[in-house]
Amino acid sequence: MAARTRFAPSPTGDLHLGGAWTALASWVVARVTEGGRCALRIEDLDRPRVVPGAQARIEEDLLWLGLAWDEGPMLQSERGELYEASIARLAQQGLVYPCDCSRAEIARVASAPHAGEDVVYPGFCRDRDPARPMRRPPALRARLPDETVEYEDGAAGRVVQSLAREAGDFVLRRGDGVFAYQLAVVVDDVAQGITDVVRGADLLASTGRQMWLARALGAAPPRYTHVPLVVGPEGARLEKRMRGVSVRELREAGLSPARVVGALAHGLGLVQADRPLTATQVVRACAGRPFVWARSGWSVPREW
């Protein structure tokens, strides 16, 4: 069966090595199957954070790496009607409610069971009196059942997640009208027929709620693979403001695309040796065998 994957960067700055890492992994998963396709999606819903020109630079860097896409780019900022219709469909099932809690109010009593993950909403507004006036423009939250989601992750293995304890009633649309990532990513994956989502391990904790949401919208969720993360030369979490970790900087420093792709492919566990390779050569090396992803993250070489 042909795989359909996607790479979905946010245009908030230049493409860094963590983005190139997941882009390569997603691209290879699509390309090793006959007729596989990879889509480019631009996650630009939060307009104040969008950096002018960033999308074009990201696209240039992807092409420089040899990671051409088959579909897109699709802009999430142009898909508001589809997101609104999805919320309406959930509301018809009684799965949406308004919430006027502030972040400070939630943070005082909520828990965050996973490092880096959003706090779990404690349900203050879940059963509120509809006659009580709102203190501020409300967000819209999904009403999750007390269920457990189990699935086999392509890299992490068997995963069991409790929706109530680990996800909570997450936001679908913020109080300022901006649609939430958790909603948009699921609606777009379903609409684009994505069969395989390949992304960083930092998003593993979001998967249970996204699988539930896909099913609530009447669709089968895709397969998931959460690869380990890229870290900076000193082992710190990779951030866009770090020097020497963007693809653009490496280009300007004179590194070849094959040097970058080969190193990323080796770090991911796709090839055995760290040597210059084109993206197409990586696909050929992976053809005909199951993926065995690296168990630990990859550190950006200090010499880069």
C-alpha atoms as a PDB file:
ATOM      1  CA  MET A   1       0.000   0.000   0.000  1.00  0.00           C
ATOM      2  CA  ALA A   2       1.369   3.422  -0.976  1.00  0.00           C
ATOM      3  CA  ALA A   3       2.150   5.662   1.985  1.00  0.00           C
ATOM      4  CA  ARG A   4       1.052   9.290   2.157  1.00  0.00           C
ATOM      5  CA  THR A   5       3.068  11.417   4.558  1.00  0.00           C
ATOM      6  CA  ARG A   6       3.368  15.120   5.235  1.00  0.00           C
ATOM      7  CA  PHE A   7       5.878  17.615   6.539  1.00  0.00           C
ATOM      8  CA  ALA A   8       4.246  20.540   8.334  1.00  0.00           C
ATOM      9  CA  PRO A   9       6.643  23.312   9.420  1.00  0.00           C
ATOM     10  CA  SER A  10       5.604  26.547  11.098  1.00  0.00           C
ATOM     11  CA  PRO A  11       6.950  29.622   9.247  1.00  0.00           C
ATOM     12  CA  THR A  12       8.322  31.253  12.383  1.00  0.00           C
ATOM     13  CA  GLY A  13      11.955  31.200  11.249  1.00  0.00           C
ATOM     14  CA  ASP A  14      14.436  29.288   9.137  1.00  0.00           C
ATOM     15  CA  LEU A  15      14.346  25.502   8.856  1.00  0.00           C
ATOM     16  CA  HIS A  16      16.516  24.053  11.621  1.00  0.00           C
ATOM     17  CA  LEU A  17      18.071  20.625  11.779  1.00  0.00           C
ATOM     18  CA  GLY A  18      15.254  19.254  13.917  1.00  0.00           C
ATOM     19  CA  GLY A  19      12.808  20.135  11.155  1.00  0.00           C
ATOM     20  CA  ALA A  20      15.103  18.727   8.465  1.00  0.00           C
ATOM     21  CA  TRP A  21      15.415  15.544  10.559  1.00  0.00           C
ATOM     22  CA  THR A  22      11.665  14.872  10.623  1.00  0.00           C
ATOM     23  CA  ALA A  23      11.246  16.065   7.023  1.00  0.00           C
ATOM     24  CA  LEU A  24      13.792  13.488   5.852  1.00  0.00           C
ATOM     25  CA  ALA A  25      12.208  10.719   7.939  1.00  0.00           C
ATOM     26  CA  SER A  26       8.729  11.502   6.612  1.00  0.00           C
ATOM     27  CA  TRP A  27       9.968  11.789   3.013  1.00  0.00           C
ATOM     28  CA  VAL A  28      11.765   8.435   3.154  1.00  0.00           C
ATOM     29  CA  VAL A  29       8.727   6.642   4.623  1.00  0.00           C
ATOM     30  CA  ALA A  30       6.684   7.835   1.645  1.00  0.00           C
ATOM     31  CA  ARG A  31       9.323   7.148  -0.989  1.00  0.00           C
ATOM     32  CA  VAL A  32      10.093   3.534  -0.046  1.00  0.00           C
ATOM     33  CA  THR A  33       6.572   2.489  -1.056  1.00  0.00           C
ATOM     34  CA  GLU A  34       5.642   2.363  -4.723  1.00  0.00           C
ATOM     35  CA  GLY A  35       3.466   5.352  -5.520  1.00  0.00           C
ATOM     36  CA  GLY A  36       4.092   6.951  -2.118  1.00  0.00           C
ATOM     37  CA  ARG A  37       3.563  10.695  -1.829  1.00  0.00           C
ATOM     38  CA  CYS A  38       4.688  13.407   0.562  1.00  0.00           C
ATOM     39  CA  ALA A  39       2.743  16.637   1.104  1.00  0.00           C
ATOM     40  CA  LEU A  40       3.956  20.002   2.374  1.00  0.00           C
ATOM     41  CA  ARG A  41       1.666  21.783   4.815  1.00  0.00           C
ATOM     42  CA  ILE A  42       2.396  25.197   6.318  1.00  0.00           C
ATOM     43  CA  GLU A  43       1.129  25.567   9.900  1.00  0.00           C
ATOM     44  CA  ASP A  44       0.563  29.323   9.918  1.00  0.00           C
ATOM     45  CA  LEU A  45      -2.558  29.631  12.074  1.00  0.00           C
ATOM     46  CA  ASP A  46      -0.929  31.850  14.697  1.00  0.00           C
ATOM     47  CA  ARG A  47      -0.408  34.814  12.386  1.00  0.00           C
ATOM     48  CA  PRO A  48       1.469  37.119  14.846  1.00  0.00           C
ATOM     49  CA  ARG A  49       4.258  34.513  15.082  1.00  0.00           C
ATOM     50  CA  VAL A  50       4.675  34.147  11.312  1.00  0.00           C
ATOM     51  CA  VAL A  51       7.942  35.638  10.045  1.00  0.00           C
ATOM     52  CA  PRO A  52       7.654  37.294   6.617  1.00  0.00           C
ATOM     53  CA  GLY A  53       9.611  35.319   4.034  1.00  0.00           C
ATOM     54  CA  ALA A  54      10.099  32.285   6.298  1.00  0.00           C
ATOM     55  CA  GLN A  55       7.898  29.998   4.214  1.00  0.00           C
ATOM     56  CA  ALA A  56       9.853  30.699   1.044  1.00  0.00           C
ATOM     57  CA  ARG A  57      13.160  30.123   2.831  1.00  0.00           C
ATOM     58  CA  ILE A  58      11.945  26.838   4.306  1.00  0.00           C
ATOM     59  CA  GLU A  59      10.842  25.659   0.869  1.00  0.00           C
ATOM     60  CA  GLU A  60      14.212  26.632  -0.624  1.00  0.00           C
ATOM     61  CA  ASP A  61      16.072  24.713   2.083  1.00  0.00           C
ATOM     62  CA  LEU A  62      13.926  21.601   1.635  1.00  0.00           C
ATOM     63  CA  LEU A  63      14.615  21.623  -2.093  1.00  0.00           C
ATOM     64  CA  TRP A  64      18.338  22.141  -1.425  1.00  0.00           C
ATOM     65  CA  LEU A  65      18.253  18.982   0.704  1.00  0.00           C
ATOM     66  CA  GLY A  66      16.524  17.121  -2.135  1.00  0.00           C
ATOM     67  CA  LEU A  67      13.220  16.782  -0.257  1.00  0.00           C
ATOM     68  CA  ALA A  68      10.768  17.860  -2.951  1.00  0.00           C
ATOM     69  CA  TRP A  69       7.094  17.441  -2.094  1.00  0.00           C
ATOM     70  CA  ASP A  70       4.325  16.018  -4.273  1.00  0.00           C
ATOM     71  CA  GLU A  71       1.427  18.102  -2.974  1.00  0.00           C
ATOM     72  CA  GLY A  72       1.141  21.599  -1.574  1.00  0.00           C
ATOM     73  CA  PRO A  73       2.155  23.760  -0.007  1.00  0.00           C
ATOM     74  CA  MET A  74      -1.195  23.879   1.744  1.00  0.00           C
ATOM     75  CA  LEU A  75      -1.706  26.829   4.106  1.00  0.00           C
ATOM     76  CA  GLN A  76      -3.686  26.231   7.280  1.00  0.00           C
ATOM     77  CA  SER A  77      -4.576  29.921   7.426  1.00  0.00           C
ATOM     78  CA  GLU A  78      -6.789  29.361   4.349  1.00  0.00           C
ATOM     79  CA  ARG A  79      -8.769  26.451   5.832  1.00  0.00           C
ATOM     80  CA  GLY A  80     -10.828  28.137   8.537  1.00  0.00           C
ATOM     81  CA  GLU A  81     -14.183  27.081   7.085  1.00  0.00           C
ATOM     82  CA  LEU A  82     -13.181  23.415   7.242  1.00  0.00           C
ATOM     83  CA  TYR A  83     -12.066  23.731  10.864  1.00  0.00           C
ATOM     84  CA  GLU A  84     -15.281  25.542  11.789  1.00  0.00           C
ATOM     85  CA  ALA A  85     -17.350  22.803  10.141  1.00  0.00           C
ATOM     86  CA  SER A  86     -15.446  20.152  12.105  1.00  0.00           C
ATOM     87  CA  ILE A  87     -16.184  21.908  15.391  1.00  0.00           C
ATOM     88  CA  ALA A  88     -19.851  22.077  14.416  1.00  0.00           C
ATOM     89  CA  ARG A  89     -19.848  18.339  13.734  1.00  0.00           C
ATOM     90  CA  LEU A  90     -18.338  17.659  17.158  1.00  0.00           C
ATOM     91  CA  ALA A  91     -20.829  20.018  18.804  1.00  0.00           C
ATOM     92  CA  GLN A  92     -23.733  18.047  17.297  1.00  0.00           C
ATOM     93  CA  GLN A  93     -22.404  15.049  19.223  1.00  0.00           C
ATOM     94  CA  GLY A  94     -22.226  17.021  22.481  1.00  0.00           C
ATOM     95  CA  LEU A  95     -18.433  17.000  22.403  1.00  0.00           C
ATOM     96  CA  VAL A  96     -17.782  20.769  22.593  1.00  0.00           C
ATOM     97  CA  TYR A  97     -18.245  23.282  25.414  1.00  0.00           C
ATOM     98  CA  PRO A  98     -17.168  26.898  26.057  1.00  0.00           C
ATOM     99  CA  CYS A  99     -14.489  27.685  28.623  1.00  0.00           C
ATOM    100  CA  ASP A 100     -13.631  31.144  29.979  1.00  0.00           C
ATOM    101  CA  CYS A 101     -10.831  30.006  32.320  1.00  0.00           C
ATOM    102  CA  SER A 102      -7.584  31.954  32.134  1.00  0.00           C
ATOM    103  CA  ARG A 103      -4.217  30.255  31.792  1.00  0.00           C
ATOM    104  CA  ALA A 104      -3.261  31.402  35.283  1.00  0.00           C
ATOM    105  CA  GLU A 105      -6.390  29.866  36.812  1.00  0.00           C
ATOM    106  CA  ILE A 106      -5.725  26.554  35.085  1.00  0.00           C
ATOM    107  CA  ALA A 107      -2.029  26.488  35.942  1.00  0.00           C
ATOM    108  CA  ARG A 108      -2.704  26.909  39.666  1.00  0.00           C
ATOM    109  CA  VAL A 109      -4.470  23.551  39.948  1.00  0.00           C
ATOM    110  CA  ALA A 110      -3.694  21.594  36.777  1.00  0.00           C
ATOM    111  CA  SER A 111      -1.056  18.910  36.324  1.00  0.00           C
ATOM    112  CA  ALA A 112       1.413  18.293  33.502  1.00  0.00           C
ATOM    113  CA  PRO A 113       2.259  14.568  33.513  1.00  0.00           C
ATOM    114  CA  HIS A 114       4.674  14.807  30.546  1.00  0.00           C
ATOM    115  CA  ALA A 115       7.666  17.114  30.397  1.00  0.00           C
ATOM    116  CA  GLY A 116       7.054  19.791  27.783  1.00  0.00           C
ATOM    117  CA  GLU A 117       3.382  18.906  27.411  1.00  0.00           C
ATOM    118  CA  ASP A 118       0.507  21.293  28.113  1.00  0.00           C
ATOM    119  CA  VAL A 119      -1.095  21.149  31.527  1.00  0.00           C
ATOM    120  CA  VAL A 120      -4.147  18.917  31.793  1.00  0.00           C
ATOM    121  CA  TYR A 121      -7.300  21.002  32.059  1.00  0.00           C
ATOM    122  CA  PRO A 122      -9.080  20.276  35.382  1.00  0.00           C
ATOM    123  CA  GLY A 123     -12.596  20.618  33.938  1.00  0.00           C
ATOM    124  CA  PHE A 124     -13.829  23.790  35.635  1.00  0.00           C
ATOM    125  CA  CYS A 125     -16.251  24.656  32.810  1.00  0.00           C
ATOM    126  CA  ARG A 126     -17.187  21.137  31.760  1.00  0.00           C
ATOM    127  CA  ASP A 127     -20.531  21.179  33.608  1.00  0.00           C
ATOM    128  CA  ARG A 128     -20.983  24.911  34.144  1.00  0.00           C
ATOM    129  CA  ASP A 129     -24.413  26.495  34.251  1.00  0.00           C
ATOM    130  CA  PRO A 130     -25.141  27.760  30.702  1.00  0.00           C
ATOM    131  CA  ALA A 131     -26.893  30.771  32.234  1.00  0.00           C
ATOM    132  CA  ARG A 132     -23.713  31.958  33.968  1.00  0.00           C
ATOM    133  CA  PRO A 133     -22.222  34.899  32.036  1.00  0.00           C
ATOM    134  CA  MET A 134     -18.780  34.541  30.484  1.00  0.00           C
ATOM    135  CA  ARG A 135     -16.008  36.611  32.043  1.00  0.00           C
ATOM    136  CA  ARG A 136     -14.044  36.798  28.781  1.00  0.00           C
ATOM    137  CA  PRO A 137     -14.387  35.528  25.193  1.00  0.00           C
ATOM    138  CA  PRO A 138     -14.457  31.761  25.714  1.00  0.00           C
ATOM    139  CA  ALA A 139     -12.321  29.088  24.159  1.00  0.00           C
ATOM    140  CA  LEU A 140     -14.026  25.976  22.844  1.00  0.00           C
ATOM    141  CA  ARG A 141     -12.903  22.685  24.379  1.00  0.00           C
ATOM    142  CA  ALA A 142     -13.401  19.061  23.380  1.00  0.00           C
ATOM    143  CA  ARG A 143     -15.290  16.926  25.890  1.00  0.00           C
ATOM    144  CA  LEU A 144     -13.143  13.786  26.119  1.00  0.00           C
ATOM    145  CA  PRO A 145     -14.419  10.478  27.477  1.00  0.00           C
ATOM    146  CA  ASP A 146     -12.662   8.601  30.252  1.00  0.00           C
ATOM    147  CA  GLU A 147     -11.053   6.132  27.850  1.00  0.00           C
ATOM    148  CA  THR A 148      -7.655   4.636  27.118  1.00  0.00           C
ATOM    149  CA  VAL A 149      -6.080   4.805  23.663  1.00  0.00           C
ATOM    150  CA  GLU A 150      -3.626   2.081  22.672  1.00  0.00           C
ATOM    151  CA  TYR A 151      -1.573   1.922  19.507  1.00  0.00           C
ATOM    152  CA  GLU A 152       1.711   0.651  18.097  1.00  0.00           C
ATOM    153  CA  ASP A 153       4.097   3.497  17.376  1.00  0.00           C
ATOM    154  CA  GLY A 154       6.593   2.921  14.564  1.00  0.00           C
ATOM    155  CA  ALA A 155       9.517   4.017  16.733  1.00  0.00           C
ATOM    156  CA  ALA A 156       8.319   4.066  20.353  1.00  0.00           C
ATOM    157  CA  GLY A 157       6.563   0.679  20.286  1.00  0.00           C
ATOM    158  CA  ARG A 158       3.386  -0.018  22.249  1.00  0.00           C
ATOM    159  CA  VAL A 159       1.844   3.168  23.669  1.00  0.00           C
ATOM    160  CA  VAL A 160      -1.049   3.365  26.135  1.00  0.00           C
ATOM    161  CA  GLN A 161      -2.512   6.781  26.914  1.00  0.00           C
ATOM    162  CA  SER A 162      -5.340   7.770  29.242  1.00  0.00           C
ATOM    163  CA  LEU A 163      -7.395  10.550  27.691  1.00  0.00           C
ATOM    164  CA  ALA A 164      -8.668  11.846  31.024  1.00  0.00           C
ATOM    165  CA  ARG A 165      -5.351  11.824  32.879  1.00  0.00           C
ATOM    166  CA  GLU A 166      -2.889  12.590  30.081  1.00  0.00           C
ATOM    167  CA  ALA A 167      -4.843  14.701  27.609  1.00  0.00           C
ATOM    168  CA  GLY A 168      -7.795  16.332  29.324  1.00  0.00           C
ATOM    169  CA  ASP A 169     -10.395  18.471  27.570  1.00  0.00           C
ATOM    170  CA  PHE A 170      -8.130  20.255  25.103  1.00  0.00           C
ATOM    171  CA  VAL A 171      -8.804  23.506  23.247  1.00  0.00           C
ATOM    172  CA  LEU A 172     -10.268  23.380  19.736  1.00  0.00           C
ATOM    173  CA  ARG A 173     -10.465  27.127  19.203  1.00  0.00           C
ATOM    174  CA  ARG A 174      -8.923  29.792  21.380  1.00  0.00           C
ATOM    175  CA  GLY A 175     -10.854  32.686  22.856  1.00  0.00           C
ATOM    176  CA  ASP A 176      -9.336  35.028  20.270  1.00  0.00           C
ATOM    177  CA  GLY A 177     -10.759  32.887  17.465  1.00  0.00           C
ATOM    178  CA  VAL A 178      -7.529  31.121  16.469  1.00  0.00           C
ATOM    179  CA  PHE A 179      -8.039  27.432  15.738  1.00  0.00           C
ATOM    180  CA  ALA A 180      -5.862  25.138  17.843  1.00  0.00           C
ATOM    181  CA  TYR A 181      -3.075  22.975  16.486  1.00  0.00           C
ATOM    182  CA  GLN A 182      -4.715  19.846  17.912  1.00  0.00           C
ATOM    183  CA  LEU A 183      -7.821  20.409  15.779  1.00  0.00           C
ATOM    184  CA  ALA A 184      -6.175  21.648  12.593  1.00  0.00           C
ATOM    185  CA  VAL A 185      -3.599  18.889  12.371  1.00  0.00           C
ATOM    186  CA  VAL A 186      -6.234  16.155  12.640  1.00  0.00           C
ATOM    187  CA  VAL A 187      -8.673  17.778  10.216  1.00  0.00           C
ATOM    188  CA  ASP A 188      -5.888  18.267   7.666  1.00  0.00           C
ATOM    189  CA  ASP A 189      -4.466  14.763   8.048  1.00  0.00           C
ATOM    190  CA  VAL A 190      -7.938  13.345   7.406  1.00  0.00           C
ATOM    191  CA  ALA A 191      -8.654  15.672   4.479  1.00  0.00           C
ATOM    192  CA  GLN A 192      -5.315  14.904   2.820  1.00  0.00           C
ATOM    193  CA  GLY A 193      -5.599  11.152   3.318  1.00  0.00           C
ATOM    194  CA  ILE A 194      -2.383  10.957   5.322  1.00  0.00           C
ATOM    195  CA  THR A 195      -1.593   7.314   6.144  1.00  0.00           C
ATOM    196  CA  ASP A 196       1.626   7.841   8.132  1.00  0.00           C
ATOM    197  CA  VAL A 197       2.540  10.695  10.452  1.00  0.00           C
ATOM    198  CA  VAL A 198       6.288  10.818  11.116  1.00  0.00           C
ATOM    199  CA  ARG A 199       7.332  13.472  13.646  1.00  0.00           C
ATOM    200  CA  GLY A 200       9.408  14.163  16.738  1.00  0.00           C
ATOM    201  CA  ALA A 201       9.027  12.359  20.049  1.00  0.00           C
ATOM    202  CA  ASP A 202       8.036  15.648  21.714  1.00  0.00           C
ATOM    203  CA  LEU A 203       4.588  15.239  20.129  1.00  0.00           C
ATOM    204  CA  LEU A 204       4.044  11.679  21.354  1.00  0.00           C
ATOM    205  CA  ALA A 205       1.825  12.827  24.224  1.00  0.00           C
ATOM    206  CA  SER A 206      -0.555  14.549  21.784  1.00  0.00           C
ATOM    207  CA  THR A 207      -1.254  11.393  19.799  1.00  0.00           C
ATOM    208  CA  GLY A 208      -3.983   9.853  21.971  1.00  0.00           C
ATOM    209  CA  ARG A 209      -6.205  12.921  21.777  1.00  0.00           C
ATOM    210  CA  GLN A 210      -5.575  13.260  18.030  1.00  0.00           C
ATOM    211  CA  MET A 211      -6.557   9.642  17.410  1.00  0.00           C
ATOM    212  CA  TRP A 212      -9.722  10.136  19.455  1.00  0.00           C
ATOM    213  CA  LEU A 213     -10.531  13.327  17.543  1.00  0.00           C
ATOM    214  CA  ALA A 214     -10.090  11.649  14.155  1.00  0.00           C
ATOM    215  CA  ARG A 215     -12.509   8.911  15.185  1.00  0.00           C
ATOM    216  CA  ALA A 216     -14.988  11.446  16.555  1.00  0.00           C
ATOM    217  CA  LEU A 217     -14.932  13.075  13.109  1.00  0.00           C
ATOM    218  CA  GLY A 218     -15.710   9.724  11.511  1.00  0.00           C
ATOM    219  CA  ALA A 219     -12.235   8.899  10.197  1.00  0.00           C
ATOM    220  CA  ALA A 220      -9.582   6.285  10.875  1.00  0.00           C
ATOM    221  CA  PRO A 221      -6.420   7.833  12.362  1.00  0.00           C
ATOM    222  CA  PRO A 222      -3.115   7.421  10.524  1.00  0.00           C
ATOM    223  CA  ARG A 223      -0.191   5.327  11.698  1.00  0.00           C
ATOM    224  CA  TYR A 224       2.269   7.223  13.900  1.00  0.00           C
ATOM    225  CA  THR A 225       6.048   7.156  14.180  1.00  0.00           C
ATOM    226  CA  HIS A 226       7.716   9.428  16.753  1.00  0.00           C
ATOM    227  CA  VAL A 227      11.453   9.598  16.119  1.00  0.00           C
ATOM    228  CA  PRO A 228      13.931  10.721  18.798  1.00  0.00           C
ATOM    229  CA  LEU A 229      14.834  14.402  18.888  1.00  0.00           C
ATOM    230  CA  VAL A 230      17.802  16.363  17.632  1.00  0.00           C
ATOM    231  CA  VAL A 231      19.702  18.208  20.351  1.00  0.00           C
ATOM    232  CA  GLY A 232      22.274  20.987  20.183  1.00  0.00           C
ATOM    233  CA  PRO A 233      26.046  20.406  20.308  1.00  0.00           C
ATOM    234  CA  GLU A 234      25.984  20.656  24.120  1.00  0.00           C
ATOM    235  CA  GLY A 235      23.011  18.321  24.496  1.00  0.00           C
ATOM    236  CA  ALA A 236      20.446  21.082  25.060  1.00  0.00           C
ATOM    237  CA  ARG A 237      17.033  21.107  23.413  1.00  0.00           C
ATOM    238  CA  LEU A 238      17.321  22.443  19.876  1.00  0.00           C
ATOM    239  CA  GLU A 239      15.919  25.943  19.473  1.00  0.00           C
ATOM    240  CA  LYS A 240      15.666  28.152  16.420  1.00  0.00           C
ATOM    241  CA  ARG A 241      17.672  30.935  18.057  1.00  0.00           C
ATOM    242  CA  MET A 242      20.741  28.695  18.493  1.00  0.00           C
ATOM    243  CA  ARG A 243      23.566  29.487  16.122  1.00  0.00           C
ATOM    244  CA  GLY A 244      24.773  26.842  13.695  1.00  0.00           C
ATOM    245  CA  VAL A 245      21.657  24.667  13.768  1.00  0.00           C
ATOM    246  CA  SER A 246      19.693  26.028  10.807  1.00  0.00           C
ATOM    247  CA  VAL A 247      19.967  24.494   7.361  1.00  0.00           C
ATOM    248  CA  ARG A 248      20.500  27.980   5.931  1.00  0.00           C
ATOM    249  CA  GLU A 249      23.585  28.534   8.114  1.00  0.00           C
ATOM    250  CA  LEU A 250      25.051  25.198   7.054  1.00  0.00           C
ATOM    251  CA  ARG A 251      24.478  26.074   3.402  1.00  0.00           C
ATOM    252  CA  GLU A 252      26.222  29.396   3.851  1.00  0.00           C
ATOM    253  CA  ALA A 253      29.088  27.683   5.705  1.00  0.00           C
ATOM    254  CA  GLY A 254      29.761  25.542   2.629  1.00  0.00           C
ATOM    255  CA  LEU A 255      28.404  22.156   3.690  1.00  0.00           C
ATOM    256  CA  SER A 256      26.951  20.090   0.869  1.00  0.00           C
ATOM    257  CA  PRO A 257      23.352  18.839   1.006  1.00  0.00           C
ATOM    258  CA  ALA A 258      24.670  15.265   0.814  1.00  0.00           C
ATOM    259  CA  ARG A 259      26.798  15.850   3.925  1.00  0.00           C
ATOM    260  CA  VAL A 260      23.781  17.073   5.876  1.00  0.00           C
ATOM    261  CA  VAL A 261      21.377  14.394   4.595  1.00  0.00           C
ATOM    262  CA  GLY A 262      23.884  11.596   5.186  1.00  0.00           C
ATOM    263  CA  ALA A 263      24.474  12.686   8.771  1.00  0.00           C
ATOM    264  CA  LEU A 264      20.748  12.987   9.487  1.00  0.00           C
ATOM    265  CA  ALA A 265      20.031   9.593   7.913  1.00  0.00           C
ATOM    266  CA  HIS A 266      22.732   7.971  10.026  1.00  0.00           C
ATOM    267  CA  GLY A 267      21.437   9.650  13.182  1.00  0.00           C
ATOM    268  CA  LEU A 268      17.924   8.401  12.440  1.00  0.00           C
ATOM    269  CA  GLY A 269      19.187   4.852  12.014  1.00  0.00           C
ATOM    270  CA  LEU A 270      18.278   4.716   8.326  1.00  0.00           C
ATOM    271  CA  VAL A 271      21.848   3.960   7.217  1.00  0.00           C
ATOM    272  CA  GLN A 272      24.749   2.335   9.040  1.00  0.00           C
ATOM    273  CA  ALA A 273      27.536   4.774   8.174  1.00  0.00           C
ATOM    274  CA  ASP A 274      27.786   8.542   8.440  1.00  0.00           C
ATOM    275  CA  ARG A 275      28.763   9.477   4.904  1.00  0.00           C
ATOM    276  CA  PRO A 276      27.480  11.917   2.268  1.00  0.00           C
ATOM    277  CA  LEU A 277      24.261  10.664   0.679  1.00  0.00           C
ATOM    278  CA  THR A 278      21.482  12.154  -1.360  1.00  0.00           C
ATOM    279  CA  ALA A 279      17.921  11.711  -0.159  1.00  0.00           C
ATOM    280  CA  THR A 280      17.299   9.329  -3.050  1.00  0.00           C
ATOM    281  CA  GLN A 281      20.293   7.212  -2.025  1.00  0.00           C
ATOM    282  CA  VAL A 282      18.876   6.998   1.497  1.00  0.00           C
ATOM    283  CA  VAL A 283      15.609   5.685   0.077  1.00  0.00           C
ATOM    284  CA  ARG A 284      17.470   3.038  -1.911  1.00  0.00           C
ATOM    285  CA  ALA A 285      19.321   1.959   1.233  1.00  0.00           C
ATOM    286  CA  CYS A 286      16.000   1.547   3.081  1.00  0.00           C
ATOM    287  CA  ALA A 287      14.083  -0.232   0.330  1.00  0.00           C
ATOM    288  CA  GLY A 288      12.948  -3.778   1.004  1.00  0.00           C
ATOM    289  CA  ARG A 289      13.547  -3.810   4.744  1.00  0.00           C
ATOM    290  CA  PRO A 290      11.588  -2.708   7.825  1.00  0.00           C
ATOM    291  CA  PHE A 291      12.491   0.574   9.478  1.00  0.00           C
ATOM    292  CA  VAL A 292      14.605   0.302  12.607  1.00  0.00           C
ATOM    293  CA  TRP A 293      14.716   3.807  14.030  1.00  0.00           C
ATOM    294  CA  ALA A 294      17.405   5.093  16.366  1.00  0.00           C
ATOM    295  CA  ARG A 295      16.564   4.676  20.046  1.00  0.00           C
ATOM    296  CA  SER A 296      18.189   7.920  21.145  1.00  0.00           C
ATOM    297  CA  GLY A 297      18.399  11.413  19.742  1.00  0.00           C
ATOM    298  CA  TRP A 298      21.142  12.861  17.600  1.00  0.00           C
ATOM    299  CA  SER A 299      23.478  15.651  18.642  1.00  0.00           C
ATOM    300  CA  VAL A 300      24.499  18.300  16.110  1.00  0.00           C
ATOM    301  CA  PRO A 301      28.257  17.898  15.454  1.00  0.00           C
ATOM    302  CA  ARG A 302      30.320  20.600  17.119  1.00  0.00           C
ATOM    303  CA  GLU A 303      32.322  21.104  13.931  1.00  0.00           C
ATOM    304  CA  TRP A 304      29.167  22.259  12.145  1.00  0.00           C
END
